[in-house]
Amino acid sequence: FEVQSYTDEVSSLPRFVVMDQEYGQMPHANAIVVEIDEFDKITTYYSYAMLLRVVTQVIRKLKEFKKENDFLLYRITDARFVLIKKDENMSQDELDSYVQDISKSLKGL
């Protein structure tokens, strides 16, 4: 019997199961998926310490963004995160602007 943790050990972020429960109860929520590029290659060619360093830097940047912009943040896989904002009035332009901001802050990591 395996008990599934609701919190990711590395990031202290809620996992997919929590997001799935909460997101289903959020009318008018906007989601942005962030995925670490080339994650499989990083795990293949670099040490666990390097992988952990990359993931930790991404998590730090996403937590900063979350706090500054009032998003919820979840880690749904080792390489994938979801930012969710409850805002029924958010336009597509606003959402696109958030995506550009995240991309800029993560570029180069």
PDB file of N, CA and C in Angstrom:
ATOM      1  N   PHE A   1       0.849  -1.180   0.000  1.00  0.00           N
ATOM      2  CA  PHE A   1       0.000   0.000   0.000  1.00  0.00           C
ATOM      3  C   PHE A   1       0.886   1.232   0.000  1.00  0.00           C
ATOM      4  N   GLU A   2       0.666   2.115  -0.948  1.00  0.00           N
ATOM      5  CA  GLU A   2       1.476   3.321  -1.084  1.00  0.00           C
ATOM      6  C   GLU A   2       0.609   4.543  -0.844  1.00  0.00           C
ATOM      7  N   VAL A   3       1.082   5.423  -0.013  1.00  0.00           N
ATOM      8  CA  VAL A   3       0.374   6.667   0.262  1.00  0.00           C
ATOM      9  C   VAL A   3       0.974   7.751  -0.610  1.00  0.00           C
ATOM     10  N   GLN A   4       0.130   8.422  -1.366  1.00  0.00           N
ATOM     11  CA  GLN A   4       0.602   9.485  -2.243  1.00  0.00           C
ATOM     12  C   GLN A   4       0.716  10.781  -1.455  1.00  0.00           C
ATOM     13  N   SER A   5       1.866  11.404  -1.578  1.00  0.00           N
ATOM     14  CA  SER A   5       2.090  12.670  -0.901  1.00  0.00           C
ATOM     15  C   SER A   5       1.398  13.788  -1.683  1.00  0.00           C
ATOM     16  N   TYR A   6       0.831  14.704  -0.970  1.00  0.00           N
ATOM     17  CA  TYR A   6       0.168  15.842  -1.595  1.00  0.00           C
ATOM     18  C   TYR A   6       1.120  17.003  -1.820  1.00  0.00           C
ATOM     19  N   THR A   7       2.337  16.894  -1.292  1.00  0.00           N
ATOM     20  CA  THR A   7       3.325  17.953  -1.413  1.00  0.00           C
ATOM     21  C   THR A   7       4.624  17.393  -1.972  1.00  0.00           C
ATOM     22  N   ASP A   8       5.190  18.082  -2.938  1.00  0.00           N
ATOM     23  CA  ASP A   8       6.463  17.694  -3.526  1.00  0.00           C
ATOM     24  C   ASP A   8       7.579  17.932  -2.509  1.00  0.00           C
ATOM     25  N   GLU A   9       8.452  16.948  -2.349  1.00  0.00           N
ATOM     26  CA  GLU A   9       9.513  17.046  -1.336  1.00  0.00           C
ATOM     27  C   GLU A   9      10.559  18.100  -1.679  1.00  0.00           C
ATOM     28  N   VAL A  10      10.904  18.232  -2.942  1.00  0.00           N
ATOM     29  CA  VAL A  10      11.962  19.168  -3.350  1.00  0.00           C
ATOM     30  C   VAL A  10      11.489  20.608  -3.275  1.00  0.00           C
ATOM     31  N   SER A  11      10.282  20.863  -3.766  1.00  0.00           N
ATOM     32  CA  SER A  11       9.813  22.241  -3.906  1.00  0.00           C
ATOM     33  C   SER A  11       8.861  22.709  -2.808  1.00  0.00           C
ATOM     34  N   SER A  12       8.330  21.775  -2.052  1.00  0.00           N
ATOM     35  CA  SER A  12       7.278  22.057  -1.058  1.00  0.00           C
ATOM     36  C   SER A  12       6.011  22.592  -1.716  1.00  0.00           C
ATOM     37  N   LEU A  13       5.862  22.343  -3.014  1.00  0.00           N
ATOM     38  CA  LEU A  13       4.671  22.773  -3.740  1.00  0.00           C
ATOM     39  C   LEU A  13       3.631  21.659  -3.738  1.00  0.00           C
ATOM     40  N   PRO A  14       2.359  22.036  -3.832  1.00  0.00           N
ATOM     41  CA  PRO A  14       1.331  21.009  -3.958  1.00  0.00           C
ATOM     42  C   PRO A  14       1.508  20.253  -5.280  1.00  0.00           C
ATOM     43  N   ARG A  15       1.150  18.980  -5.251  1.00  0.00           N
ATOM     44  CA  ARG A  15       1.285  18.116  -6.430  1.00  0.00           C
ATOM     45  C   ARG A  15       0.030  18.146  -7.298  1.00  0.00           C
ATOM     46  N   PHE A  16       0.074  17.350  -8.379  1.00  0.00           N
ATOM     47  CA  PHE A  16      -1.017  17.280  -9.349  1.00  0.00           C
ATOM     48  C   PHE A  16      -2.351  16.945  -8.703  1.00  0.00           C
ATOM     49  N   VAL A  17      -2.364  16.002  -7.786  1.00  0.00           N
ATOM     50  CA  VAL A  17      -3.631  15.570  -7.186  1.00  0.00           C
ATOM     51  C   VAL A  17      -4.330  16.734  -6.482  1.00  0.00           C
ATOM     52  N   VAL A  18      -3.562  17.609  -5.855  1.00  0.00           N
ATOM     53  CA  VAL A  18      -4.124  18.790  -5.190  1.00  0.00           C
ATOM     54  C   VAL A  18      -4.638  19.769  -6.232  1.00  0.00           C
ATOM     55  N   MET A  19      -3.834  20.004  -7.276  1.00  0.00           N
ATOM     56  CA  MET A  19      -4.252  20.921  -8.334  1.00  0.00           C
ATOM     57  C   MET A  19      -5.541  20.420  -8.986  1.00  0.00           C
ATOM     58  N   ASP A  20      -5.605  19.136  -9.239  1.00  0.00           N
ATOM     59  CA  ASP A  20      -6.781  18.552  -9.872  1.00  0.00           C
ATOM     60  C   ASP A  20      -8.034  18.791  -9.030  1.00  0.00           C
ATOM     61  N   GLN A  21      -7.917  18.633  -7.727  1.00  0.00           N
ATOM     62  CA  GLN A  21      -9.055  18.858  -6.831  1.00  0.00           C
ATOM     63  C   GLN A  21      -9.432  20.333  -6.770  1.00  0.00           C
ATOM     64  N   GLU A  22      -8.446  21.195  -6.618  1.00  0.00           N
ATOM     65  CA  GLU A  22      -8.705  22.629  -6.458  1.00  0.00           C
ATOM     66  C   GLU A  22      -9.114  23.294  -7.769  1.00  0.00           C
ATOM     67  N   TYR A  23      -8.458  22.942  -8.875  1.00  0.00           N
ATOM     68  CA  TYR A  23      -8.738  23.572 -10.164  1.00  0.00           C
ATOM     69  C   TYR A  23     -10.158  23.267 -10.615  1.00  0.00           C
ATOM     70  N   GLY A  24     -10.637  22.083 -10.319  1.00  0.00           N
ATOM     71  CA  GLY A  24     -11.999  21.717 -10.684  1.00  0.00           C
ATOM     72  C   GLY A  24     -13.050  22.549  -9.974  1.00  0.00           C
ATOM     73  N   GLN A  25     -12.658  23.157  -8.865  1.00  0.00           N
ATOM     74  CA  GLN A  25     -13.585  23.979  -8.078  1.00  0.00           C
ATOM     75  C   GLN A  25     -13.413  25.467  -8.350  1.00  0.00           C
ATOM     76  N   MET A  26     -12.580  25.818  -9.330  1.00  0.00           N
ATOM     77  CA  MET A  26     -12.300  27.225  -9.621  1.00  0.00           C
ATOM     78  C   MET A  26     -12.953  27.645 -10.934  1.00  0.00           C
ATOM     79  N   PRO A  27     -14.087  28.303 -10.858  1.00  0.00           N
ATOM     80  CA  PRO A  27     -14.627  28.839 -12.109  1.00  0.00           C
ATOM     81  C   PRO A  27     -13.769  30.023 -12.559  1.00  0.00           C
ATOM     82  N   HIS A  28     -13.610  30.153 -13.832  1.00  0.00           N
ATOM     83  CA  HIS A  28     -12.885  31.294 -14.411  1.00  0.00           C
ATOM     84  C   HIS A  28     -11.412  31.332 -14.023  1.00  0.00           C
ATOM     85  N   ALA A  29     -10.782  30.190 -13.945  1.00  0.00           N
ATOM     86  CA  ALA A  29      -9.357  30.152 -13.638  1.00  0.00           C
ATOM     87  C   ALA A  29      -8.556  30.082 -14.933  1.00  0.00           C
ATOM     88  N   ASN A  30      -7.389  30.673 -14.912  1.00  0.00           N
ATOM     89  CA  ASN A  30      -6.479  30.698 -16.053  1.00  0.00           C
ATOM     90  C   ASN A  30      -5.223  29.923 -15.671  1.00  0.00           C
ATOM     91  N   ALA A  31      -4.785  29.033 -16.538  1.00  0.00           N
ATOM     92  CA  ALA A  31      -3.636  28.188 -16.227  1.00  0.00           C
ATOM     93  C   ALA A  31      -2.509  28.407 -17.224  1.00  0.00           C
ATOM     94  N   ILE A  32      -1.289  28.396 -16.696  1.00  0.00           N
ATOM     95  CA  ILE A  32      -0.078  28.470 -17.512  1.00  0.00           C
ATOM     96  C   ILE A  32       0.779  27.272 -17.131  1.00  0.00           C
ATOM     97  N   VAL A  33       1.133  26.478 -18.118  1.00  0.00           N
ATOM     98  CA  VAL A  33       1.994  25.322 -17.883  1.00  0.00           C
ATOM     99  C   VAL A  33       3.431  25.712 -18.219  1.00  0.00           C
ATOM    100  N   VAL A  34       4.338  25.406 -17.301  1.00  0.00           N
ATOM    101  CA  VAL A  34       5.761  25.683 -17.498  1.00  0.00           C
ATOM    102  C   VAL A  34       6.484  24.343 -17.448  1.00  0.00           C
ATOM    103  N   GLU A  35       7.251  24.075 -18.495  1.00  0.00           N
ATOM    104  CA  GLU A  35       7.983  22.809 -18.561  1.00  0.00           C
ATOM    105  C   GLU A  35       9.464  23.088 -18.771  1.00  0.00           C
ATOM    106  N   ILE A  36      10.306  22.384 -18.045  1.00  0.00           N
ATOM    107  CA  ILE A  36      11.753  22.528 -18.188  1.00  0.00           C
ATOM    108  C   ILE A  36      12.169  21.847 -19.491  1.00  0.00           C
ATOM    109  N   ASP A  37      12.721  22.635 -20.410  1.00  0.00           N
ATOM    110  CA  ASP A  37      13.184  22.096 -21.689  1.00  0.00           C
ATOM    111  C   ASP A  37      14.308  21.092 -21.477  1.00  0.00           C
ATOM    112  N   GLU A  38      14.309  20.077 -22.318  1.00  0.00           N
ATOM    113  CA  GLU A  38      15.401  19.091 -22.348  1.00  0.00           C
ATOM    114  C   GLU A  38      15.613  18.399 -21.001  1.00  0.00           C
ATOM    115  N   PHE A  39      14.567  18.250 -20.227  1.00  0.00           N
ATOM    116  CA  PHE A  39      14.693  17.641 -18.897  1.00  0.00           C
ATOM    117  C   PHE A  39      15.276  16.235 -18.988  1.00  0.00           C
ATOM    118  N   ASP A  40      14.823  15.462 -19.961  1.00  0.00           N
ATOM    119  CA  ASP A  40      15.333  14.098 -20.119  1.00  0.00           C
ATOM    120  C   ASP A  40      16.832  14.083 -20.405  1.00  0.00           C
ATOM    121  N   LYS A  41      17.290  15.026 -21.203  1.00  0.00           N
ATOM    122  CA  LYS A  41      18.724  15.101 -21.501  1.00  0.00           C
ATOM    123  C   LYS A  41      19.515  15.493 -20.258  1.00  0.00           C
ATOM    124  N   ILE A  42      18.967  16.407 -19.478  1.00  0.00           N
ATOM    125  CA  ILE A  42      19.647  16.820 -18.244  1.00  0.00           C
ATOM    126  C   ILE A  42      19.797  15.611 -17.321  1.00  0.00           C
ATOM    127  N   THR A  43      18.736  14.814 -17.203  1.00  0.00           N
ATOM    128  CA  THR A  43      18.800  13.646 -16.312  1.00  0.00           C
ATOM    129  C   THR A  43      19.755  12.587 -16.854  1.00  0.00           C
ATOM    130  N   THR A  44      19.926  12.543 -18.168  1.00  0.00           N
ATOM    131  CA  THR A  44      20.794  11.531 -18.775  1.00  0.00           C
ATOM    132  C   THR A  44      22.270  11.923 -18.709  1.00  0.00           C
ATOM    133  N   TYR A  45      22.573  13.182 -19.010  1.00  0.00           N
ATOM    134  CA  TYR A  45      23.963  13.588 -19.192  1.00  0.00           C
ATOM    135  C   TYR A  45      24.602  14.292 -17.997  1.00  0.00           C
ATOM    136  N   TYR A  46      23.812  14.705 -17.043  1.00  0.00           N
ATOM    137  CA  TYR A  46      24.375  15.440 -15.912  1.00  0.00           C
ATOM    138  C   TYR A  46      24.082  14.724 -14.604  1.00  0.00           C
ATOM    139  N   SER A  47      24.769  15.136 -13.583  1.00  0.00           N
ATOM    140  CA  SER A  47      24.603  14.518 -12.273  1.00  0.00           C
ATOM    141  C   SER A  47      23.281  14.927 -11.635  1.00  0.00           C
ATOM    142  N   TYR A  48      22.904  14.171 -10.626  1.00  0.00           N
ATOM    143  CA  TYR A  48      21.697  14.508  -9.883  1.00  0.00           C
ATOM    144  C   TYR A  48      21.839  15.882  -9.240  1.00  0.00           C
ATOM    145  N   ALA A  49      23.034  16.207  -8.791  1.00  0.00           N
ATOM    146  CA  ALA A  49      23.267  17.512  -8.164  1.00  0.00           C
ATOM    147  C   ALA A  49      22.997  18.648  -9.151  1.00  0.00           C
ATOM    148  N   MET A  50      23.421  18.470 -10.408  1.00  0.00           N
ATOM    149  CA  MET A  50      23.177  19.495 -11.423  1.00  0.00           C
ATOM    150  C   MET A  50      21.686  19.596 -11.726  1.00  0.00           C
ATOM    151  N   LEU A  51      21.038  18.460 -11.842  1.00  0.00           N
ATOM    152  CA  LEU A  51      19.593  18.436 -12.077  1.00  0.00           C
ATOM    153  C   LEU A  51      18.862  19.157 -10.950  1.00  0.00           C
ATOM    154  N   LEU A  52      19.220  18.862  -9.739  1.00  0.00           N
ATOM    155  CA  LEU A  52      18.595  19.493  -8.583  1.00  0.00           C
ATOM    156  C   LEU A  52      18.831  20.997  -8.594  1.00  0.00           C
ATOM    157  N   ARG A  53      19.996  21.403  -9.019  1.00  0.00           N
ATOM    158  CA  ARG A  53      20.326  22.831  -9.089  1.00  0.00           C
ATOM    159  C   ARG A  53      19.439  23.553 -10.107  1.00  0.00           C
ATOM    160  N   VAL A  54      19.267  22.948 -11.270  1.00  0.00           N
ATOM    161  CA  VAL A  54      18.412  23.536 -12.299  1.00  0.00           C
ATOM    162  C   VAL A  54      16.975  23.621 -11.798  1.00  0.00           C
ATOM    163  N   VAL A  55      16.466  22.532 -11.270  1.00  0.00           N
ATOM    164  CA  VAL A  55      15.082  22.491 -10.790  1.00  0.00           C
ATOM    165  C   VAL A  55      14.876  23.505  -9.669  1.00  0.00           C
ATOM    166  N   THR A  56      15.821  23.604  -8.771  1.00  0.00           N
ATOM    167  CA  THR A  56      15.716  24.545  -7.651  1.00  0.00           C
ATOM    168  C   THR A  56      15.670  25.987  -8.152  1.00  0.00           C
ATOM    169  N   GLN A  57      16.461  26.318  -9.160  1.00  0.00           N
ATOM    170  CA  GLN A  57      16.446  27.672  -9.712  1.00  0.00           C
ATOM    171  C   GLN A  57      15.119  27.978 -10.398  1.00  0.00           C
ATOM    172  N   VAL A  58      14.594  27.019 -11.125  1.00  0.00           N
ATOM    173  CA  VAL A  58      13.294  27.207 -11.772  1.00  0.00           C
ATOM    174  C   VAL A  58      12.214  27.410 -10.714  1.00  0.00           C
ATOM    175  N   ILE A  59      12.220  26.593  -9.695  1.00  0.00           N
ATOM    176  CA  ILE A  59      11.232  26.703  -8.614  1.00  0.00           C
ATOM    177  C   ILE A  59      11.319  28.068  -7.944  1.00  0.00           C
ATOM    178  N   ARG A  60      12.527  28.527  -7.681  1.00  0.00           N
ATOM    179  CA  ARG A  60      12.705  29.836  -7.034  1.00  0.00           C
ATOM    180  C   ARG A  60      12.095  30.947  -7.894  1.00  0.00           C
ATOM    181  N   LYS A  61      12.373  30.920  -9.192  1.00  0.00           N
ATOM    182  CA  LYS A  61      11.827  31.941 -10.095  1.00  0.00           C
ATOM    183  C   LYS A  61      10.301  31.865 -10.163  1.00  0.00           C
ATOM    184  N   LEU A  62       9.757  30.650 -10.229  1.00  0.00           N
ATOM    185  CA  LEU A  62       8.305  30.495 -10.300  1.00  0.00           C
ATOM    186  C   LEU A  62       7.636  30.950  -9.002  1.00  0.00           C
ATOM    187  N   LYS A  63       8.256  30.678  -7.871  1.00  0.00           N
ATOM    188  CA  LYS A  63       7.699  31.139  -6.592  1.00  0.00           C
ATOM    189  C   LYS A  63       7.707  32.666  -6.506  1.00  0.00           C
ATOM    190  N   GLU A  64       8.750  33.291  -7.018  1.00  0.00           N
ATOM    191  CA  GLU A  64       8.794  34.760  -7.051  1.00  0.00           C
ATOM    192  C   GLU A  64       7.661  35.300  -7.922  1.00  0.00           C
ATOM    193  N   PHE A  65       7.509  34.721  -9.094  1.00  0.00           N
ATOM    194  CA  PHE A  65       6.454  35.139 -10.018  1.00  0.00           C
ATOM    195  C   PHE A  65       5.081  34.939  -9.379  1.00  0.00           C
ATOM    196  N   LYS A  66       4.892  33.800  -8.764  1.00  0.00           N
ATOM    197  CA  LYS A  66       3.623  33.477  -8.079  1.00  0.00           C
ATOM    198  C   LYS A  66       3.278  34.540  -7.046  1.00  0.00           C
ATOM    199  N   LYS A  67       4.244  34.884  -6.247  1.00  0.00           N
ATOM    200  CA  LYS A  67       4.021  35.853  -5.177  1.00  0.00           C
ATOM    201  C   LYS A  67       3.732  37.249  -5.734  1.00  0.00           C
ATOM    202  N   GLU A  68       4.496  37.663  -6.728  1.00  0.00           N
ATOM    203  CA  GLU A  68       4.344  39.006  -7.304  1.00  0.00           C
ATOM    204  C   GLU A  68       3.035  39.184  -8.071  1.00  0.00           C
ATOM    205  N   ASN A  69       2.487  38.080  -8.598  1.00  0.00           N
ATOM    206  CA  ASN A  69       1.336  38.182  -9.495  1.00  0.00           C
ATOM    207  C   ASN A  69       0.095  37.447  -9.007  1.00  0.00           C
ATOM    208  N   ASP A  70       0.117  36.988  -7.773  1.00  0.00           N
ATOM    209  CA  ASP A  70      -1.048  36.359  -7.146  1.00  0.00           C
ATOM    210  C   ASP A  70      -1.542  35.127  -7.915  1.00  0.00           C
ATOM    211  N   PHE A  71      -0.619  34.219  -8.212  1.00  0.00           N
ATOM    212  CA  PHE A  71      -0.952  32.944  -8.838  1.00  0.00           C
ATOM    213  C   PHE A  71      -0.855  31.830  -7.797  1.00  0.00           C
ATOM    214  N   LEU A  72      -1.497  30.720  -8.066  1.00  0.00           N
ATOM    215  CA  LEU A  72      -1.279  29.476  -7.338  1.00  0.00           C
ATOM    216  C   LEU A  72      -0.257  28.693  -8.144  1.00  0.00           C
ATOM    217  N   LEU A  73       0.589  27.914  -7.479  1.00  0.00           N
ATOM    218  CA  LEU A  73       1.652  27.189  -8.169  1.00  0.00           C
ATOM    219  C   LEU A  73       1.647  25.735  -7.729  1.00  0.00           C
ATOM    220  N   TYR A  74       1.729  24.830  -8.712  1.00  0.00           N
ATOM    221  CA  TYR A  74       1.723  23.398  -8.459  1.00  0.00           C
ATOM    222  C   TYR A  74       2.856  22.749  -9.245  1.00  0.00           C
ATOM    223  N   ARG A  75       3.417  21.687  -8.687  1.00  0.00           N
ATOM    224  CA  ARG A  75       4.386  20.863  -9.426  1.00  0.00           C
ATOM    225  C   ARG A  75       3.658  19.586  -9.814  1.00  0.00           C
ATOM    226  N   ILE A  76       3.448  19.408 -11.116  1.00  0.00           N
ATOM    227  CA  ILE A  76       2.635  18.267 -11.538  1.00  0.00           C
ATOM    228  C   ILE A  76       3.460  17.081 -12.039  1.00  0.00           C
ATOM    229  N   THR A  77       4.696  17.317 -12.468  1.00  0.00           N
ATOM    230  CA  THR A  77       5.656  16.252 -12.774  1.00  0.00           C
ATOM    231  C   THR A  77       7.028  16.774 -12.387  1.00  0.00           C
ATOM    232  N   ASP A  78       8.047  15.942 -12.577  1.00  0.00           N
ATOM    233  CA  ASP A  78       9.402  16.395 -12.251  1.00  0.00           C
ATOM    234  C   ASP A  78       9.789  17.639 -13.037  1.00  0.00           C
ATOM    235  N   ALA A  79       9.314  17.742 -14.286  1.00  0.00           N
ATOM    236  CA  ALA A  79       9.720  18.838 -15.162  1.00  0.00           C
ATOM    237  C   ALA A  79       8.616  19.826 -15.475  1.00  0.00           C
ATOM    238  N   ARG A  80       7.424  19.636 -14.923  1.00  0.00           N
ATOM    239  CA  ARG A  80       6.284  20.462 -15.313  1.00  0.00           C
ATOM    240  C   ARG A  80       5.617  21.089 -14.092  1.00  0.00           C
ATOM    241  N   PHE A  81       5.313  22.379 -14.262  1.00  0.00           N
ATOM    242  CA  PHE A  81       4.662  23.160 -13.218  1.00  0.00           C
ATOM    243  C   PHE A  81       3.434  23.845 -13.816  1.00  0.00           C
ATOM    244  N   VAL A  82       2.472  24.160 -12.976  1.00  0.00           N
ATOM    245  CA  VAL A  82       1.291  24.879 -13.439  1.00  0.00           C
ATOM    246  C   VAL A  82       1.058  26.080 -12.527  1.00  0.00           C
ATOM    247  N   LEU A  83       0.892  27.239 -13.156  1.00  0.00           N
ATOM    248  CA  LEU A  83       0.500  28.465 -12.455  1.00  0.00           C
ATOM    249  C   LEU A  83      -0.971  28.704 -12.762  1.00  0.00           C
ATOM    250  N   ILE A  84      -1.760  28.969 -11.741  1.00  0.00           N
ATOM    251  CA  ILE A  84      -3.191  29.197 -11.925  1.00  0.00           C
ATOM    252  C   ILE A  84      -3.573  30.499 -11.248  1.00  0.00           C
ATOM    253  N   LYS A  85      -4.366  31.275 -11.965  1.00  0.00           N
ATOM    254  CA  LYS A  85      -4.865  32.543 -11.420  1.00  0.00           C
ATOM    255  C   LYS A  85      -6.374  32.573 -11.578  1.00  0.00           C
ATOM    256  N   LYS A  86      -7.038  32.855 -10.480  1.00  0.00           N
ATOM    257  CA  LYS A  86      -8.493  33.009 -10.493  1.00  0.00           C
ATOM    258  C   LYS A  86      -8.809  34.437 -10.900  1.00  0.00           C
ATOM    259  N   ASP A  87      -9.307  34.597 -12.106  1.00  0.00           N
ATOM    260  CA  ASP A  87      -9.637  35.936 -12.582  1.00  0.00           C
ATOM    261  C   ASP A  87     -10.580  35.809 -13.768  1.00  0.00           C
ATOM    262  N   GLU A  88     -11.851  36.011 -13.521  1.00  0.00           N
ATOM    263  CA  GLU A  88     -12.829  35.853 -14.583  1.00  0.00           C
ATOM    264  C   GLU A  88     -12.753  36.964 -15.626  1.00  0.00           C
ATOM    265  N   ASN A  89     -12.057  38.054 -15.304  1.00  0.00           N
ATOM    266  CA  ASN A  89     -11.965  39.182 -16.228  1.00  0.00           C
ATOM    267  C   ASN A  89     -10.642  39.251 -16.976  1.00  0.00           C
ATOM    268  N   MET A  90      -9.787  38.250 -16.812  1.00  0.00           N
ATOM    269  CA  MET A  90      -8.483  38.288 -17.472  1.00  0.00           C
ATOM    270  C   MET A  90      -8.653  38.130 -18.985  1.00  0.00           C
ATOM    271  N   SER A  91      -8.019  39.014 -19.713  1.00  0.00           N
ATOM    272  CA  SER A  91      -8.072  38.948 -21.169  1.00  0.00           C
ATOM    273  C   SER A  91      -6.955  38.025 -21.678  1.00  0.00           C
ATOM    274  N   GLN A  92      -7.068  37.644 -22.916  1.00  0.00           N
ATOM    275  CA  GLN A  92      -6.021  36.835 -23.538  1.00  0.00           C
ATOM    276  C   GLN A  92      -4.710  37.613 -23.594  1.00  0.00           C
ATOM    277  N   ASP A  93      -4.782  38.917 -23.804  1.00  0.00           N
ATOM    278  CA  ASP A  93      -3.575  39.748 -23.827  1.00  0.00           C
ATOM    279  C   ASP A  93      -2.871  39.741 -22.470  1.00  0.00           C
ATOM    280  N   GLU A  94      -3.650  39.814 -21.394  1.00  0.00           N
ATOM    281  CA  GLU A  94      -3.059  39.761 -20.050  1.00  0.00           C
ATOM    282  C   GLU A  94      -2.382  38.421 -19.811  1.00  0.00           C
ATOM    283  N   LEU A  95      -3.058  37.346 -20.186  1.00  0.00           N
ATOM    284  CA  LEU A  95      -2.483  36.013 -20.024  1.00  0.00           C
ATOM    285  C   LEU A  95      -1.207  35.881 -20.849  1.00  0.00           C
ATOM    286  N   ASP A  96      -1.226  36.366 -22.064  1.00  0.00           N
ATOM    287  CA  ASP A  96      -0.032  36.345 -22.928  1.00  0.00           C
ATOM    288  C   ASP A  96       1.108  37.143 -22.302  1.00  0.00           C
ATOM    289  N   SER A  97       0.775  38.252 -21.671  1.00  0.00           N
ATOM    290  CA  SER A  97       1.784  39.077 -21.008  1.00  0.00           C
ATOM    291  C   SER A  97       2.435  38.316 -19.843  1.00  0.00           C
ATOM    292  N   TYR A  98       1.626  37.601 -19.076  1.00  0.00           N
ATOM    293  CA  TYR A  98       2.172  36.771 -17.994  1.00  0.00           C
ATOM    294  C   TYR A  98       3.104  35.697 -18.544  1.00  0.00           C
ATOM    295  N   VAL A  99       2.707  35.069 -19.638  1.00  0.00           N
ATOM    296  CA  VAL A  99       3.540  34.034 -20.251  1.00  0.00           C
ATOM    297  C   VAL A  99       4.875  34.630 -20.691  1.00  0.00           C
ATOM    298  N   GLN A 100       4.850  35.802 -21.287  1.00  0.00           N
ATOM    299  CA  GLN A 100       6.089  36.464 -21.717  1.00  0.00           C
ATOM    300  C   GLN A 100       6.960  36.795 -20.507  1.00  0.00           C
ATOM    301  N   ASP A 101       6.353  37.280 -19.427  1.00  0.00           N
ATOM    302  CA  ASP A 101       7.116  37.597 -18.212  1.00  0.00           C
ATOM    303  C   ASP A 101       7.805  36.362 -17.643  1.00  0.00           C
ATOM    304  N   ILE A 102       7.071  35.254 -17.610  1.00  0.00           N
ATOM    305  CA  ILE A 102       7.661  34.007 -17.096  1.00  0.00           C
ATOM    306  C   ILE A 102       8.811  33.569 -18.000  1.00  0.00           C
ATOM    307  N   SER A 103       8.591  33.614 -19.283  1.00  0.00           N
ATOM    308  CA  SER A 103       9.618  33.206 -20.243  1.00  0.00           C
ATOM    309  C   SER A 103      10.883  34.030 -20.066  1.00  0.00           C
ATOM    310  N   LYS A 104      10.730  35.335 -19.907  1.00  0.00           N
ATOM    311  CA  LYS A 104      11.892  36.217 -19.710  1.00  0.00           C
ATOM    312  C   LYS A 104      12.634  35.858 -18.424  1.00  0.00           C
ATOM    313  N   SER A 105      11.896  35.612 -17.346  1.00  0.00           N
ATOM    314  CA  SER A 105      12.555  35.352 -16.068  1.00  0.00           C
ATOM    315  C   SER A 105      13.255  33.992 -16.040  1.00  0.00           C
ATOM    316  N   LEU A 106      12.781  33.052 -16.848  1.00  0.00           N
ATOM    317  CA  LEU A 106      13.376  31.720 -16.867  1.00  0.00           C
ATOM    318  C   LEU A 106      14.435  31.546 -17.954  1.00  0.00           C
ATOM    319  N   LYS A 107      14.492  32.489 -18.884  1.00  0.00           N
ATOM    320  CA  LYS A 107      15.430  32.372 -19.998  1.00  0.00           C
ATOM    321  C   LYS A 107      16.860  32.307 -19.458  1.00  0.00           C
ATOM    322  N   GLY A 108      17.603  31.387 -19.986  1.00  0.00           N
ATOM    323  CA  GLY A 108      18.994  31.256 -19.586  1.00  0.00           C
ATOM    324  C   GLY A 108      19.249  30.288 -18.452  1.00  0.00           C
ATOM    325  N   LEU A 109      18.190  29.878 -17.781  1.00  0.00           N
ATOM    326  CA  LEU A 109      18.402  28.891 -16.720  1.00  0.00           C
ATOM    327  C   LEU A 109      18.675  27.538 -17.323  1.00  0.00           C
TER     328      LEU A 109
END
